[in-house]
Amino acid sequence: MASYILNLLYALFLLLIVLLVTPVITVISLLIFIMSGLPIFYAQKRVGQNGIPFMLYKFRTMHVGAEKLQVKLKAQNEAKGPVFKIHDDPRFTAIGRFLSHTGLDELPQITNILFGQMAVVGPRPLPVAEAKKLLPWQKERHKIKPGIISPWIVNGYHSQAFDDWMKSDLEYAIKKNQLYDLYLICKALILFLKFVRNELREHLN
């Protein structure tokens, strides 16, 4: 009975998220079109549950053709392990930096959730090329659905070693349940507000 109630609450919570996010997605789409033109969305093949690839959707935060410039920026990579990340990436569009730094660029992945490819909470799905470089024990993270909200970000693992990130994903896979997910969602909302505040302060100064 308790499990049924938790599943029902989780489904209602997901429905609430979709209803709240839809107008936000509409507004952001218009802003991207006005400030940066088309395309509004960016699609990239990522590795999902059981190693099955799927097409992940995000708001476009970079100039068209940004992927081709990644090789030239390799020396500026700030991430550890087989991933690529630059905090102030020179390829960001005018609005793209704000979207990326606040996590708002991930909102279109609500579509991936509705398609059953992702969950609200779970390990962040890696691009196919990066996922291929994972060690066998690290690929265990693929046993569960990837998510928009990741324990890696919420618990601060993005500032730690790559192996710690992978270990946090495996630990989450063991702990995963609706109550723990709701806890991580609440932490993520607090973190999101902090990111927005920091970005606004930086833009206003």
Protein backbone atom coordinates (compact mmCIF):
# COMPACT_ATOMS: atom_id res chain seq x y z
CA MET A 1 0.00 0.00 0.00
CA ALA A 2 2.80 2.39 0.95
CA SER A 3 4.60 1.64 -2.32
CA TYR A 4 1.40 2.33 -4.30
CA ILE A 5 0.96 5.71 -2.56
CA LEU A 6 4.57 6.66 -3.24
CA ASN A 7 4.23 5.71 -6.92
CA LEU A 8 1.03 7.76 -7.17
CA LEU A 9 2.65 10.78 -5.51
CA TYR A 10 5.65 10.48 -7.80
CA ALA A 11 3.39 10.34 -10.89
CA LEU A 12 1.43 13.39 -9.70
CA PHE A 13 4.68 15.22 -9.01
CA LEU A 14 5.90 14.44 -12.53
CA LEU A 15 2.62 15.73 -13.97
CA LEU A 16 3.00 18.93 -11.94
CA ILE A 17 6.54 19.40 -13.27
CA VAL A 18 5.34 19.02 -16.86
CA LEU A 19 2.56 21.59 -16.31
CA LEU A 20 4.95 24.08 -14.69
CA VAL A 21 7.77 23.59 -17.18
CA THR A 22 5.74 23.87 -20.40
CA PRO A 23 5.27 27.69 -20.30
CA VAL A 24 8.91 28.13 -19.28
CA ILE A 25 10.03 26.08 -22.29
CA THR A 26 7.83 28.23 -24.52
CA VAL A 27 9.33 31.49 -23.24
CA ILE A 28 12.92 30.24 -23.49
CA SER A 29 12.28 28.98 -27.03
CA LEU A 30 11.10 32.44 -28.07
CA LEU A 31 14.13 34.10 -26.46
CA ILE A 32 16.54 31.77 -28.24
CA PHE A 33 14.81 32.40 -31.56
CA ILE A 34 14.92 36.19 -31.09
CA MET A 35 18.50 36.36 -29.77
CA SER A 36 20.17 33.51 -31.61
CA GLY A 37 17.90 32.31 -34.39
CA LEU A 38 17.34 28.70 -35.37
CA PRO A 39 17.70 25.91 -34.40
CA ILE A 40 16.18 26.32 -30.95
CA PHE A 41 16.92 22.78 -29.80
CA TYR A 42 20.07 20.70 -29.84
CA ALA A 43 19.95 16.91 -30.17
CA GLN A 44 22.80 14.56 -29.35
CA LYS A 45 23.02 10.78 -29.15
CA ARG A 46 23.62 9.66 -25.56
CA VAL A 47 23.93 6.28 -23.86
CA GLY A 48 20.91 5.28 -21.80
CA GLN A 49 19.74 2.35 -19.70
CA ASN A 50 21.40 -0.98 -20.55
CA GLY A 51 23.79 0.84 -22.86
CA ILE A 52 21.07 1.61 -25.41
CA PRO A 53 21.70 4.92 -27.23
CA PHE A 54 18.94 7.51 -27.55
CA MET A 55 18.60 11.06 -28.81
CA LEU A 56 18.80 13.57 -25.94
CA TYR A 57 17.25 17.03 -26.37
CA LYS A 58 18.48 20.32 -24.93
CA PHE A 59 18.09 23.98 -25.67
CA ARG A 60 20.84 25.12 -28.03
CA THR A 61 23.32 27.11 -25.94
CA MET A 62 26.17 27.33 -28.43
CA HIS A 63 26.72 28.74 -31.88
CA VAL A 64 25.91 26.46 -34.81
CA GLY A 65 28.88 24.22 -35.60
CA ALA A 66 30.26 24.38 -32.04
CA GLU A 67 31.05 20.64 -31.98
CA LYS A 68 33.60 21.08 -34.77
CA LEU A 69 35.50 23.60 -32.62
CA GLN A 70 35.85 21.23 -29.66
CA VAL A 71 39.14 19.80 -30.94
CA LYS A 72 40.67 23.30 -31.03
CA LEU A 73 39.56 23.90 -27.43
CA LYS A 74 40.86 20.57 -26.09
CA ALA A 75 43.66 22.26 -24.13
CA GLN A 76 41.07 24.34 -22.22
CA ASN A 77 39.09 21.32 -21.03
CA GLU A 78 38.38 21.71 -17.29
CA ALA A 79 36.80 18.28 -16.76
CA LYS A 80 38.62 15.18 -15.59
CA GLY A 81 38.27 11.81 -17.27
CA PRO A 82 36.80 11.18 -20.74
CA VAL A 83 34.46 14.19 -20.68
CA PHE A 84 34.71 17.73 -22.03
CA LYS A 85 33.63 20.84 -20.12
CA ILE A 86 34.61 24.52 -20.09
CA HIS A 87 32.75 26.73 -17.62
CA ASP A 88 32.98 29.89 -19.72
CA ASP A 89 32.97 28.15 -23.07
CA PRO A 90 33.69 30.70 -25.86
CA ARG A 91 31.15 28.88 -28.04
CA PHE A 92 28.20 29.98 -25.87
CA THR A 93 25.59 32.25 -27.43
CA ALA A 94 24.43 35.42 -25.64
CA ILE A 95 21.65 33.57 -23.82
CA GLY A 96 23.35 30.16 -23.90
CA ARG A 97 25.75 30.82 -21.05
CA PHE A 98 22.89 31.70 -18.67
CA LEU A 99 20.88 28.65 -19.71
CA SER A 100 23.83 26.29 -19.31
CA HIS A 101 25.03 27.66 -15.97
CA THR A 102 21.54 27.50 -14.43
CA GLY A 103 20.62 24.11 -15.91
CA LEU A 104 17.63 25.52 -17.78
CA ASP A 105 19.07 24.15 -21.02
CA GLU A 106 18.11 20.66 -19.82
CA LEU A 107 14.34 21.33 -19.64
CA PRO A 108 13.53 19.81 -23.08
CA GLN A 109 14.55 16.44 -21.63
CA ILE A 110 11.03 16.32 -20.21
CA THR A 111 10.34 14.88 -23.68
CA ASN A 112 12.89 12.12 -23.04
CA ILE A 113 11.12 11.32 -19.77
CA LEU A 114 7.76 11.05 -21.52
CA PHE A 115 9.37 8.74 -24.12
CA GLY A 116 10.59 6.51 -21.26
CA GLN A 117 14.27 7.11 -22.06
CA MET A 118 15.09 9.10 -18.93
CA ALA A 119 13.93 9.65 -15.36
CA VAL A 120 13.69 12.89 -13.40
CA VAL A 121 16.60 11.74 -11.24
CA GLY A 122 19.46 9.52 -12.37
CA PRO A 123 23.04 9.49 -13.67
CA ARG A 124 23.65 12.06 -16.39
CA PRO A 125 23.79 10.28 -19.78
CA LEU A 126 27.14 10.61 -21.51
CA PRO A 127 27.64 11.17 -25.25
CA VAL A 128 28.29 7.89 -27.07
CA ALA A 129 31.95 8.72 -27.78
CA GLU A 130 32.63 9.49 -24.10
CA ALA A 131 30.68 6.49 -22.80
CA LYS A 132 32.82 4.16 -24.92
CA LYS A 133 35.87 5.24 -22.89
CA LEU A 134 34.38 4.12 -19.57
CA LEU A 135 35.96 1.22 -17.72
CA PRO A 136 33.81 -1.92 -17.25
CA TRP A 137 32.97 -1.08 -13.61
CA GLN A 138 31.99 2.47 -14.60
CA LYS A 139 29.54 1.16 -17.22
CA GLU A 140 27.50 -0.35 -14.38
CA ARG A 141 25.87 3.10 -14.15
CA HIS A 142 23.92 2.13 -17.28
CA LYS A 143 21.84 -0.39 -15.34
CA ILE A 144 19.30 2.31 -14.47
CA LYS A 145 17.70 5.11 -16.47
CA PRO A 146 19.71 8.33 -16.76
CA GLY A 147 18.15 11.47 -15.35
CA ILE A 148 17.88 15.23 -15.68
CA ILE A 149 18.77 15.75 -12.02
CA SER A 150 21.96 13.96 -11.12
CA PRO A 151 23.38 13.14 -7.67
CA TRP A 152 26.71 14.09 -9.27
CA ILE A 153 25.63 17.73 -9.47
CA VAL A 154 23.38 17.90 -6.39
CA ASN A 155 25.98 16.37 -4.06
CA GLY A 156 28.88 18.36 -5.46
CA TYR A 157 30.73 15.58 -7.27
CA HIS A 158 31.21 17.85 -10.33
CA SER A 159 34.11 19.42 -8.43
CA GLN A 160 35.72 16.06 -7.64
CA ALA A 161 37.62 13.37 -9.54
CA PHE A 162 35.95 11.52 -12.41
CA ASP A 163 36.10 8.20 -10.56
CA ASP A 164 34.22 9.78 -7.63
CA TRP A 165 31.52 10.87 -10.06
CA MET A 166 31.18 7.31 -11.37
CA LYS A 167 31.13 5.90 -7.83
CA SER A 168 28.38 8.34 -6.86
CA ASP A 169 26.28 7.08 -9.80
CA LEU A 170 26.74 3.47 -8.71
CA GLU A 171 25.90 4.38 -5.11
CA TYR A 172 22.74 6.12 -6.30
CA ALA A 173 21.71 3.05 -8.30
CA ILE A 174 21.76 1.07 -5.05
CA LYS A 175 19.93 3.70 -2.97
CA LYS A 176 17.36 4.65 -5.62
CA ASN A 177 13.79 4.96 -4.35
CA GLN A 178 11.00 7.54 -4.60
CA LEU A 179 11.70 9.22 -1.25
CA TYR A 180 15.40 9.59 -2.01
CA ASP A 181 14.54 10.98 -5.45
CA LEU A 182 12.19 13.56 -3.91
CA TYR A 183 14.98 14.55 -1.51
CA LEU A 184 17.40 15.06 -4.41
CA ILE A 185 14.77 17.03 -6.37
CA CYS A 186 14.33 19.41 -3.41
CA LYS A 187 18.10 19.85 -3.15
CA ALA A 188 18.26 20.47 -6.89
CA LEU A 189 15.61 23.21 -6.68
CA ILE A 190 17.60 24.98 -3.95
CA LEU A 191 20.77 24.65 -6.03
CA PHE A 192 18.95 25.96 -9.11
CA LEU A 193 17.88 29.12 -7.25
CA LYS A 194 21.47 29.59 -6.11
CA PHE A 195 22.74 29.26 -9.69
CA VAL A 196 20.17 31.77 -10.96
CA ARG A 197 21.10 34.24 -8.21
CA ASN A 198 24.81 33.92 -9.00
CA GLU A 199 24.25 34.40 -12.74
CA LEU A 200 22.03 37.44 -12.21
CA ARG A 201 24.57 39.00 -9.87
CA GLU A 202 27.34 38.45 -12.41
CA HIS A 203 25.29 39.95 -15.24
CA LEU A 204 24.18 42.97 -13.20
CA ASN A 205 27.66 43.81 -11.87
